[in-house]
All heavy atoms as atom14 arrays in JSON, in Angstrom:
{
  "sequence": "LVFRIEEAAALKVVPRPALASGLASAWFDLRAAARALVRVP",
  "atom14_mask": [
    [1, 1, 1, 1, 1, 1, 1, 1, 0, 0, 0, 0, 0, 0],
    [1, 1, 1, 1, 1, 1, 1, 0, 0, 0, 0, 0, 0, 0],
    [1, 1, 1, 1, 1, 1, 1, 1, 1, 1, 1, 0, 0, 0],
    [1, 1, 1, 1, 1, 1, 1, 1, 1, 1, 1, 0, 0, 0],
    [1, 1, 1, 1, 1, 1, 1, 1, 0, 0, 0, 0, 0, 0],
    [1, 1, 1, 1, 1, 1, 1, 1, 1, 0, 0, 0, 0, 0],
    [1, 1, 1, 1, 1, 1, 1, 1, 1, 0, 0, 0, 0, 0],
    [1, 1, 1, 1, 1, 0, 0, 0, 0, 0, 0, 0, 0, 0],
    [1, 1, 1, 1, 1, 0, 0, 0, 0, 0, 0, 0, 0, 0],
    [1, 1, 1, 1, 1, 0, 0, 0, 0, 0, 0, 0, 0, 0],
    [1, 1, 1, 1, 1, 1, 1, 1, 0, 0, 0, 0, 0, 0],
    [1, 1, 1, 1, 1, 1, 1, 1, 1, 0, 0, 0, 0, 0],
    [1, 1, 1, 1, 1, 1, 1, 0, 0, 0, 0, 0, 0, 0],
    [1, 1, 1, 1, 1, 1, 1, 0, 0, 0, 0, 0, 0, 0],
    [1, 1, 1, 1, 1, 1, 1, 0, 0, 0, 0, 0, 0, 0],
    [1, 1, 1, 1, 1, 1, 1, 1, 1, 1, 1, 0, 0, 0],
    [1, 1, 1, 1, 1, 1, 1, 0, 0, 0, 0, 0, 0, 0],
    [1, 1, 1, 1, 1, 0, 0, 0, 0, 0, 0, 0, 0, 0],
    [1, 1, 1, 1, 1, 1, 1, 1, 0, 0, 0, 0, 0, 0],
    [1, 1, 1, 1, 1, 0, 0, 0, 0, 0, 0, 0, 0, 0],
    [1, 1, 1, 1, 1, 1, 0, 0, 0, 0, 0, 0, 0, 0],
    [1, 1, 1, 1, 0, 0, 0, 0, 0, 0, 0, 0, 0, 0],
    [1, 1, 1, 1, 1, 1, 1, 1, 0, 0, 0, 0, 0, 0],
    [1, 1, 1, 1, 1, 0, 0, 0, 0, 0, 0, 0, 0, 0],
    [1, 1, 1, 1, 1, 1, 0, 0, 0, 0, 0, 0, 0, 0],
    [1, 1, 1, 1, 1, 0, 0, 0, 0, 0, 0, 0, 0, 0],
    [1, 1, 1, 1, 1, 1, 1, 1, 1, 1, 1, 1, 1, 1],
    [1, 1, 1, 1, 1, 1, 1, 1, 1, 1, 1, 0, 0, 0],
    [1, 1, 1, 1, 1, 1, 1, 1, 0, 0, 0, 0, 0, 0],
    [1, 1, 1, 1, 1, 1, 1, 1, 0, 0, 0, 0, 0, 0],
    [1, 1, 1, 1, 1, 1, 1, 1, 1, 1, 1, 0, 0, 0],
    [1, 1, 1, 1, 1, 0, 0, 0, 0, 0, 0, 0, 0, 0],
    [1, 1, 1, 1, 1, 0, 0, 0, 0, 0, 0, 0, 0, 0],
    [1, 1, 1, 1, 1, 0, 0, 0, 0, 0, 0, 0, 0, 0],
    [1, 1, 1, 1, 1, 1, 1, 1, 1, 1, 1, 0, 0, 0],
    [1, 1, 1, 1, 1, 0, 0, 0, 0, 0, 0, 0, 0, 0],
    [1, 1, 1, 1, 1, 1, 1, 1, 0, 0, 0, 0, 0, 0],
    [1, 1, 1, 1, 1, 1, 1, 0, 0, 0, 0, 0, 0, 0],
    [1, 1, 1, 1, 1, 1, 1, 1, 1, 1, 1, 0, 0, 0],
    [1, 1, 1, 1, 1, 1, 1, 0, 0, 0, 0, 0, 0, 0],
    [1, 1, 1, 1, 1, 1, 1, 0, 0, 0, 0, 0, 0, 0]
  ],
  "atom14_positions": [
    [[0.84, -1.18, 0.0], [0.0, 0.0, 0.0], [0.89, 1.24, 0.0], [1.65, 1.46, 0.94], [-0.91, 0.01, 1.23], [-1.74, 1.28, 1.42], [-2.74, 1.46, 0.28], [-2.47, 1.26, 2.76], [0.0, 0.0, 0.0], [0.0, 0.0, 0.0], [0.0, 0.0, 0.0], [0.0, 0.0, 0.0], [0.0, 0.0, 0.0], [0.0, 0.0, 0.0]],
    [[0.79, 2.03, -1.05], [1.49, 3.31, -1.13], [0.59, 4.35, -0.48], [-0.47, 4.67, -1.03], [1.81, 3.69, -2.6], [2.52, 5.03, -2.65], [2.65, 2.61, -3.26], [0.0, 0.0, 0.0], [0.0, 0.0, 0.0], [0.0, 0.0, 0.0], [0.0, 0.0, 0.0], [0.0, 0.0, 0.0], [0.0, 0.0, 0.0], [0.0, 0.0, 0.0]],
    [[0.99, 4.84, 0.7], [0.09, 5.75, 1.4], [0.57, 7.21, 1.39], [-0.18, 8.1, 1.73], [-0.13, 5.27, 2.84], [1.1, 5.25, 3.7], [1.51, 6.38, 4.42], [1.88, 4.1, 3.79], [2.63, 6.35, 5.21], [3.01, 4.07, 4.59], [3.41, 5.19, 5.3], [0.0, 0.0, 0.0], [0.0, 0.0, 0.0], [0.0, 0.0, 0.0]],
    [[1.84, 7.45, 0.99], [2.3, 8.84, 0.92], [3.47, 8.94, -0.04], [4.33, 8.05, -0.1], [2.71, 9.35, 2.32], [3.01, 10.85, 2.34], [3.12, 11.4, 3.75], [4.31, 10.94, 4.44], [4.33, 10.09, 5.44], [3.19, 9.55, 5.86], [5.45, 9.72, 6.04], [0.0, 0.0, 0.0], [0.0, 0.0, 0.0], [0.0, 0.0, 0.0]],
    [[3.54, 10.03, -0.8], [4.65, 10.32, -1.71], [5.13, 11.73, -1.4], [4.34, 12.69, -1.44], [4.22, 10.21, -3.18], [3.75, 8.78, -3.48], [5.36, 10.59, -4.11], [3.18, 8.61, -4.87], [0.0, 0.0, 0.0], [0.0, 0.0, 0.0], [0.0, 0.0, 0.0], [0.0, 0.0, 0.0], [0.0, 0.0, 0.0], [0.0, 0.0, 0.0]],
    [[6.4, 11.86, -1.1], [6.97, 13.17, -0.73], [8.03, 13.58, -1.74], [8.74, 12.73, -2.3], [7.59, 13.09, 0.67], [6.57, 12.82, 1.78], [7.24, 12.71, 3.13], [8.47, 12.52, 3.16], [6.53, 12.79, 4.16], [0.0, 0.0, 0.0], [0.0, 0.0, 0.0], [0.0, 0.0, 0.0], [0.0, 0.0, 0.0], [0.0, 0.0, 0.0]],
    [[8.12, 14.87, -1.93], [9.15, 15.44, -2.82], [9.93, 16.47, -2.01], [9.38, 17.08, -1.08], [8.5, 16.08, -4.04], [9.47, 16.39, -5.15], [8.75, 16.89, -6.4], [7.56, 17.24, -6.3], [9.38, 16.93, -7.46], [0.0, 0.0, 0.0], [0.0, 0.0, 0.0], [0.0, 0.0, 0.0], [0.0, 0.0, 0.0], [0.0, 0.0, 0.0]],
    [[11.19, 16.66, -2.37], [12.03, 17.62, -1.62], [11.37, 18.98, -1.58], [11.31, 19.65, -0.55], [13.42, 17.69, -2.25], [0.0, 0.0, 0.0], [0.0, 0.0, 0.0], [0.0, 0.0, 0.0], [0.0, 0.0, 0.0], [0.0, 0.0, 0.0], [0.0, 0.0, 0.0], [0.0, 0.0, 0.0], [0.0, 0.0, 0.0], [0.0, 0.0, 0.0]],
    [[10.86, 19.42, -2.72], [10.08, 20.65, -2.76], [8.64, 20.29, -2.4], [8.16, 19.2, -2.73], [10.14, 21.29, -4.14], [0.0, 0.0, 0.0], [0.0, 0.0, 0.0], [0.0, 0.0, 0.0], [0.0, 0.0, 0.0], [0.0, 0.0, 0.0], [0.0, 0.0, 0.0], [0.0, 0.0, 0.0], [0.0, 0.0, 0.0], [0.0, 0.0, 0.0]],
    [[7.95, 21.15, -1.71], [6.6, 20.84, -1.25], [5.7, 20.53, -2.44], [5.7, 21.24, -3.44], [6.02, 22.03, -0.48], [0.0, 0.0, 0.0], [0.0, 0.0, 0.0], [0.0, 0.0, 0.0], [0.0, 0.0, 0.0], [0.0, 0.0, 0.0], [0.0, 0.0, 0.0], [0.0, 0.0, 0.0], [0.0, 0.0, 0.0], [0.0, 0.0, 0.0]],
    [[5.01, 19.44, -2.34], [4.08, 19.06, -3.41], [2.89, 20.0, -3.41], [2.37, 20.37, -2.36], [3.59, 17.63, -3.17], [4.63, 16.52, -3.34], [4.01, 15.19, -2.93], [5.12, 16.45, -4.76], [0.0, 0.0, 0.0], [0.0, 0.0, 0.0], [0.0, 0.0, 0.0], [0.0, 0.0, 0.0], [0.0, 0.0, 0.0], [0.0, 0.0, 0.0]],
    [[2.51, 20.38, -4.6], [1.34, 21.24, -4.73], [0.2, 20.38, -5.28], [0.14, 20.09, -6.46], [1.64, 22.42, -5.67], [2.7, 23.36, -5.12], [2.8, 24.59, -5.98], [3.85, 25.55, -5.42], [3.45, 26.05, -4.09], [0.0, 0.0, 0.0], [0.0, 0.0, 0.0], [0.0, 0.0, 0.0], [0.0, 0.0, 0.0], [0.0, 0.0, 0.0]],
    [[-0.67, 19.92, -4.37], [-1.79, 19.08, -4.76], [-2.86, 19.95, -5.4], [-3.24, 21.0, -4.86], [-2.36, 18.35, -3.52], [-3.56, 17.5, -3.91], [-1.29, 17.51, -2.88], [0.0, 0.0, 0.0], [0.0, 0.0, 0.0], [0.0, 0.0, 0.0], [0.0, 0.0, 0.0], [0.0, 0.0, 0.0], [0.0, 0.0, 0.0], [0.0, 0.0, 0.0]],
    [[-3.31, 19.52, -6.56], [-4.34, 20.28, -7.26], [-5.66, 20.15, -6.5], [-6.14, 19.04, -6.29], [-4.52, 19.74, -8.7], [-5.61, 20.52, -9.43], [-3.2, 19.81, -9.45], [0.0, 0.0, 0.0], [0.0, 0.0, 0.0], [0.0, 0.0, 0.0], [0.0, 0.0, 0.0], [0.0, 0.0, 0.0], [0.0, 0.0, 0.0], [0.0, 0.0, 0.0]],
    [[-6.19, 21.25, -6.04], [-7.43, 21.14, -5.28], [-8.59, 20.68, -6.17], [-8.64, 21.03, -7.35], [-7.66, 22.57, -4.77], [-6.93, 23.44, -5.73], [-5.74, 22.65, -6.19], [0.0, 0.0, 0.0], [0.0, 0.0, 0.0], [0.0, 0.0, 0.0], [0.0, 0.0, 0.0], [0.0, 0.0, 0.0], [0.0, 0.0, 0.0], [0.0, 0.0, 0.0]],
    [[-9.47, 19.89, -5.6], [-10.64, 19.43, -6.33], [-11.89, 19.84, -5.59], [-11.85, 20.04, -4.37], [-10.62, 17.89, -6.48], [-9.48, 17.38, -7.32], [-9.61, 15.87, -7.5], [-9.46, 15.16, -6.24], [-9.6, 13.85, -6.11], [-9.92, 13.13, -7.15], [-9.45, 13.27, -4.94], [0.0, 0.0, 0.0], [0.0, 0.0, 0.0], [0.0, 0.0, 0.0]],
    [[-13.01, 19.98, -6.3], [-14.25, 20.31, -5.61], [-14.58, 19.26, -4.54], [-14.2, 18.09, -4.67], [-15.3, 20.31, -6.75], [-14.51, 20.51, -8.0], [-13.16, 19.9, -7.75], [0.0, 0.0, 0.0], [0.0, 0.0, 0.0], [0.0, 0.0, 0.0], [0.0, 0.0, 0.0], [0.0, 0.0, 0.0], [0.0, 0.0, 0.0], [0.0, 0.0, 0.0]],
    [[-15.27, 19.69, -3.51], [-15.57, 18.8, -2.4], [-16.36, 17.57, -2.85], [-16.1, 16.44, -2.43], [-16.35, 19.55, -1.31], [0.0, 0.0, 0.0], [0.0, 0.0, 0.0], [0.0, 0.0, 0.0], [0.0, 0.0, 0.0], [0.0, 0.0, 0.0], [0.0, 0.0, 0.0], [0.0, 0.0, 0.0], [0.0, 0.0, 0.0], [0.0, 0.0, 0.0]],
    [[-17.35, 17.77, -3.76], [-18.15, 16.64, -4.23], [-17.3, 15.64, -4.99], [-17.38, 14.43, -4.77], [-19.3, 17.14, -5.11], [-20.2, 16.06, -5.72], [-20.86, 15.26, -4.61], [-21.26, 16.69, -6.64], [0.0, 0.0, 0.0], [0.0, 0.0, 0.0], [0.0, 0.0, 0.0], [0.0, 0.0, 0.0], [0.0, 0.0, 0.0], [0.0, 0.0, 0.0]],
    [[-16.45, 16.15, -5.89], [-15.6, 15.24, -6.67], [-14.63, 14.49, -5.76], [-14.39, 13.3, -5.93], [-14.84, 16.03, -7.73], [0.0, 0.0, 0.0], [0.0, 0.0, 0.0], [0.0, 0.0, 0.0], [0.0, 0.0, 0.0], [0.0, 0.0, 0.0], [0.0, 0.0, 0.0], [0.0, 0.0, 0.0], [0.0, 0.0, 0.0], [0.0, 0.0, 0.0]],
    [[-14.1, 15.19, -4.77], [-13.18, 14.54, -3.84], [-13.9, 13.46, -3.03], [-13.37, 12.36, -2.81], [-12.57, 15.58, -2.9], [-11.72, 14.97, -1.97], [0.0, 0.0, 0.0], [0.0, 0.0, 0.0], [0.0, 0.0, 0.0], [0.0, 0.0, 0.0], [0.0, 0.0, 0.0], [0.0, 0.0, 0.0], [0.0, 0.0, 0.0], [0.0, 0.0, 0.0]],
    [[-15.13, 13.76, -2.58], [-15.88, 12.77, -1.82], [-16.24, 11.55, -2.65], [-16.15, 10.41, -2.17], [0.0, 0.0, 0.0], [0.0, 0.0, 0.0], [0.0, 0.0, 0.0], [0.0, 0.0, 0.0], [0.0, 0.0, 0.0], [0.0, 0.0, 0.0], [0.0, 0.0, 0.0], [0.0, 0.0, 0.0], [0.0, 0.0, 0.0], [0.0, 0.0, 0.0]],
    [[-16.62, 11.77, -3.91], [-16.95, 10.64, -4.78], [-15.73, 9.79, -5.06], [-15.82, 8.55, -5.06], [-17.55, 11.15, -6.09], [-18.95, 11.78, -5.99], [-19.39, 12.32, -7.34], [-19.96, 10.75, -5.48], [0.0, 0.0, 0.0], [0.0, 0.0, 0.0], [0.0, 0.0, 0.0], [0.0, 0.0, 0.0], [0.0, 0.0, 0.0], [0.0, 0.0, 0.0]],
    [[-14.58, 10.44, -5.29], [-13.36, 9.67, -5.53], [-12.98, 8.85, -4.3], [-12.57, 7.7, -4.4], [-12.23, 10.63, -5.92], [0.0, 0.0, 0.0], [0.0, 0.0, 0.0], [0.0, 0.0, 0.0], [0.0, 0.0, 0.0], [0.0, 0.0, 0.0], [0.0, 0.0, 0.0], [0.0, 0.0, 0.0], [0.0, 0.0, 0.0], [0.0, 0.0, 0.0]],
    [[-13.14, 9.45, -3.12], [-12.83, 8.74, -1.89], [-13.77, 7.54, -1.69], [-13.35, 6.46, -1.31], [-12.93, 9.69, -0.71], [-12.73, 9.01, 0.51], [0.0, 0.0, 0.0], [0.0, 0.0, 0.0], [0.0, 0.0, 0.0], [0.0, 0.0, 0.0], [0.0, 0.0, 0.0], [0.0, 0.0, 0.0], [0.0, 0.0, 0.0], [0.0, 0.0, 0.0]],
    [[-15.07, 7.76, -1.97], [-16.04, 6.67, -1.82], [-15.75, 5.55, -2.82], [-15.86, 4.36, -2.49], [-17.46, 7.2, -2.0], [0.0, 0.0, 0.0], [0.0, 0.0, 0.0], [0.0, 0.0, 0.0], [0.0, 0.0, 0.0], [0.0, 0.0, 0.0], [0.0, 0.0, 0.0], [0.0, 0.0, 0.0], [0.0, 0.0, 0.0], [0.0, 0.0, 0.0]],
    [[-15.38, 5.91, -4.04], [-15.06, 4.89, -5.05], [-13.83, 4.09, -4.63], [-13.79, 2.86, -4.82], [-14.85, 5.57, -6.4], [-14.39, 4.65, -7.49], [-13.21, 4.68, -8.15], [-15.12, 3.54, -8.04], [-13.13, 3.67, -9.07], [-14.3, 2.95, -9.04], [-16.37, 3.0, -7.78], [-14.7, 1.85, -9.77], [-16.78, 1.89, -8.52], [-15.94, 1.33, -9.49]],
    [[-12.86, 4.77, -4.05], [-11.67, 4.07, -3.58], [-12.05, 3.09, -2.46], [-11.58, 1.94, -2.45], [-10.64, 5.09, -3.07], [-9.39, 4.47, -2.52], [-8.34, 4.1, -3.35], [-9.26, 4.24, -1.15], [-7.2, 3.52, -2.85], [-8.12, 3.64, -0.64], [-7.09, 3.29, -1.49], [0.0, 0.0, 0.0], [0.0, 0.0, 0.0], [0.0, 0.0, 0.0]],
    [[-12.89, 3.54, -1.52], [-13.31, 2.67, -0.42], [-14.14, 1.5, -0.93], [-14.05, 0.38, -0.4], [-14.12, 3.46, 0.61], [-13.23, 4.36, 1.45], [-12.01, 4.19, 1.39], [-13.78, 5.23, 2.16], [0.0, 0.0, 0.0], [0.0, 0.0, 0.0], [0.0, 0.0, 0.0], [0.0, 0.0, 0.0], [0.0, 0.0, 0.0], [0.0, 0.0, 0.0]],
    [[-14.95, 1.75, -1.97], [-15.76, 0.67, -2.53], [-14.89, -0.42, -3.14], [-15.11, -1.61, -2.93], [-16.72, 1.24, -3.58], [-17.7, 0.25, -4.22], [-18.63, -0.31, -3.16], [-18.5, 0.93, -5.32], [0.0, 0.0, 0.0], [0.0, 0.0, 0.0], [0.0, 0.0, 0.0], [0.0, 0.0, 0.0], [0.0, 0.0, 0.0], [0.0, 0.0, 0.0]],
    [[-13.87, -0.01, -3.87], [-12.96, -1.01, -4.45], [-12.19, -1.74, -3.36], [-11.97, -2.96, -3.45], [-12.0, -0.33, -5.42], [-12.65, 0.14, -6.71], [-11.63, 0.74, -7.64], [-11.03, 1.93, -7.02], [-9.94, 2.54, -7.5], [-9.32, 2.06, -8.55], [-9.48, 3.61, -6.9], [0.0, 0.0, 0.0], [0.0, 0.0, 0.0], [0.0, 0.0, 0.0]],
    [[-11.79, -1.0, -2.32], [-11.07, -1.64, -1.22], [-11.97, -2.65, -0.5], [-11.51, -3.74, -0.12], [-10.57, -0.58, -0.23], [0.0, 0.0, 0.0], [0.0, 0.0, 0.0], [0.0, 0.0, 0.0], [0.0, 0.0, 0.0], [0.0, 0.0, 0.0], [0.0, 0.0, 0.0], [0.0, 0.0, 0.0], [0.0, 0.0, 0.0], [0.0, 0.0, 0.0]],
    [[-13.25, -2.32, -0.34], [-14.18, -3.24, 0.3], [-14.37, -4.5, -0.54], [-14.42, -5.62, -0.02], [-15.54, -2.56, 0.53], [0.0, 0.0, 0.0], [0.0, 0.0, 0.0], [0.0, 0.0, 0.0], [0.0, 0.0, 0.0], [0.0, 0.0, 0.0], [0.0, 0.0, 0.0], [0.0, 0.0, 0.0], [0.0, 0.0, 0.0], [0.0, 0.0, 0.0]],
    [[-14.48, -4.33, -1.87], [-14.62, -5.49, -2.75], [-13.4, -6.39, -2.67], [-13.52, -7.62, -2.61], [-14.87, -5.03, -4.18], [0.0, 0.0, 0.0], [0.0, 0.0, 0.0], [0.0, 0.0, 0.0], [0.0, 0.0, 0.0], [0.0, 0.0, 0.0], [0.0, 0.0, 0.0], [0.0, 0.0, 0.0], [0.0, 0.0, 0.0], [0.0, 0.0, 0.0]],
    [[-12.2, -5.79, -2.67], [-10.99, -6.61, -2.57], [-10.91, -7.33, -1.23], [-10.47, -8.48, -1.14], [-9.76, -5.71, -2.77], [-9.56, -5.25, -4.2], [-8.18, -4.64, -4.38], [-8.02, -3.42, -3.6], [-8.27, -2.2, -4.07], [-8.7, -2.04, -5.32], [-8.1, -1.15, -3.31], [0.0, 0.0, 0.0], [0.0, 0.0, 0.0], [0.0, 0.0, 0.0]],
    [[-11.36, -6.65, -0.17], [-11.33, -7.28, 1.16], [-12.27, -8.49, 1.21], [-11.95, -9.5, 1.84], [-11.73, -6.26, 2.23], [0.0, 0.0, 0.0], [0.0, 0.0, 0.0], [0.0, 0.0, 0.0], [0.0, 0.0, 0.0], [0.0, 0.0, 0.0], [0.0, 0.0, 0.0], [0.0, 0.0, 0.0], [0.0, 0.0, 0.0], [0.0, 0.0, 0.0]],
    [[-13.42, -8.41, 0.55], [-14.35, -9.53, 0.54], [-13.81, -10.69, -0.29], [-14.03, -11.86, 0.04], [-15.71, -9.08, 0.0], [-16.48, -8.08, 0.87], [-17.76, -7.65, 0.18], [-16.79, -8.68, 2.23], [0.0, 0.0, 0.0], [0.0, 0.0, 0.0], [0.0, 0.0, 0.0], [0.0, 0.0, 0.0], [0.0, 0.0, 0.0], [0.0, 0.0, 0.0]],
    [[-13.11, -10.38, -1.37], [-12.54, -11.43, -2.21], [-11.45, -12.18, -1.45], [-11.27, -13.39, -1.62], [-11.99, -10.83, -3.52], [-11.18, -11.86, -4.3], [-13.13, -10.3, -4.37], [0.0, 0.0, 0.0], [0.0, 0.0, 0.0], [0.0, 0.0, 0.0], [0.0, 0.0, 0.0], [0.0, 0.0, 0.0], [0.0, 0.0, 0.0], [0.0, 0.0, 0.0]],
    [[-10.75, -11.49, -0.55], [-9.66, -12.13, 0.19], [-10.17, -13.13, 1.22], [-9.41, -13.97, 1.7], [-8.8, -11.06, 0.89], [-7.94, -10.24, -0.04], [-6.83, -9.55, 0.74], [-7.34, -8.65, 1.75], [-7.6, -7.37, 1.55], [-7.4, -6.83, 0.36], [-8.06, -6.61, 2.53], [0.0, 0.0, 0.0], [0.0, 0.0, 0.0], [0.0, 0.0, 0.0]],
    [[-11.45, -13.01, 1.62], [-12.02, -13.95, 2.6], [-13.28, -14.58, 2.0], [-14.4, -14.28, 2.41], [-12.34, -13.23, 3.93], [-11.1, -13.01, 4.74], [-13.07, -11.91, 3.68], [0.0, 0.0, 0.0], [0.0, 0.0, 0.0], [0.0, 0.0, 0.0], [0.0, 0.0, 0.0], [0.0, 0.0, 0.0], [0.0, 0.0, 0.0], [0.0, 0.0, 0.0]],
    [[-13.13, -15.46, 1.01], [-14.31, -16.02, 0.32], [-15.22, -16.83, 1.23], [-16.43, -16.88, 1.0], [-13.68, -16.89, -0.78], [-12.3, -17.2, -0.29], [-11.87, -15.99, 0.49], [0.0, 0.0, 0.0], [0.0, 0.0, 0.0], [0.0, 0.0, 0.0], [0.0, 0.0, 0.0], [0.0, 0.0, 0.0], [0.0, 0.0, 0.0], [0.0, 0.0, 0.0]]
  ]
}
């Protein structure tokens, strides 16, 4: 699991609208949940 990427110069994360960010986060959690269920058939 890659949980953080750092650069010597401060990374400038492109801000996203709150709705788009929430949907992306939910989609990520949904895929993670599906993978977790597959691991315990």
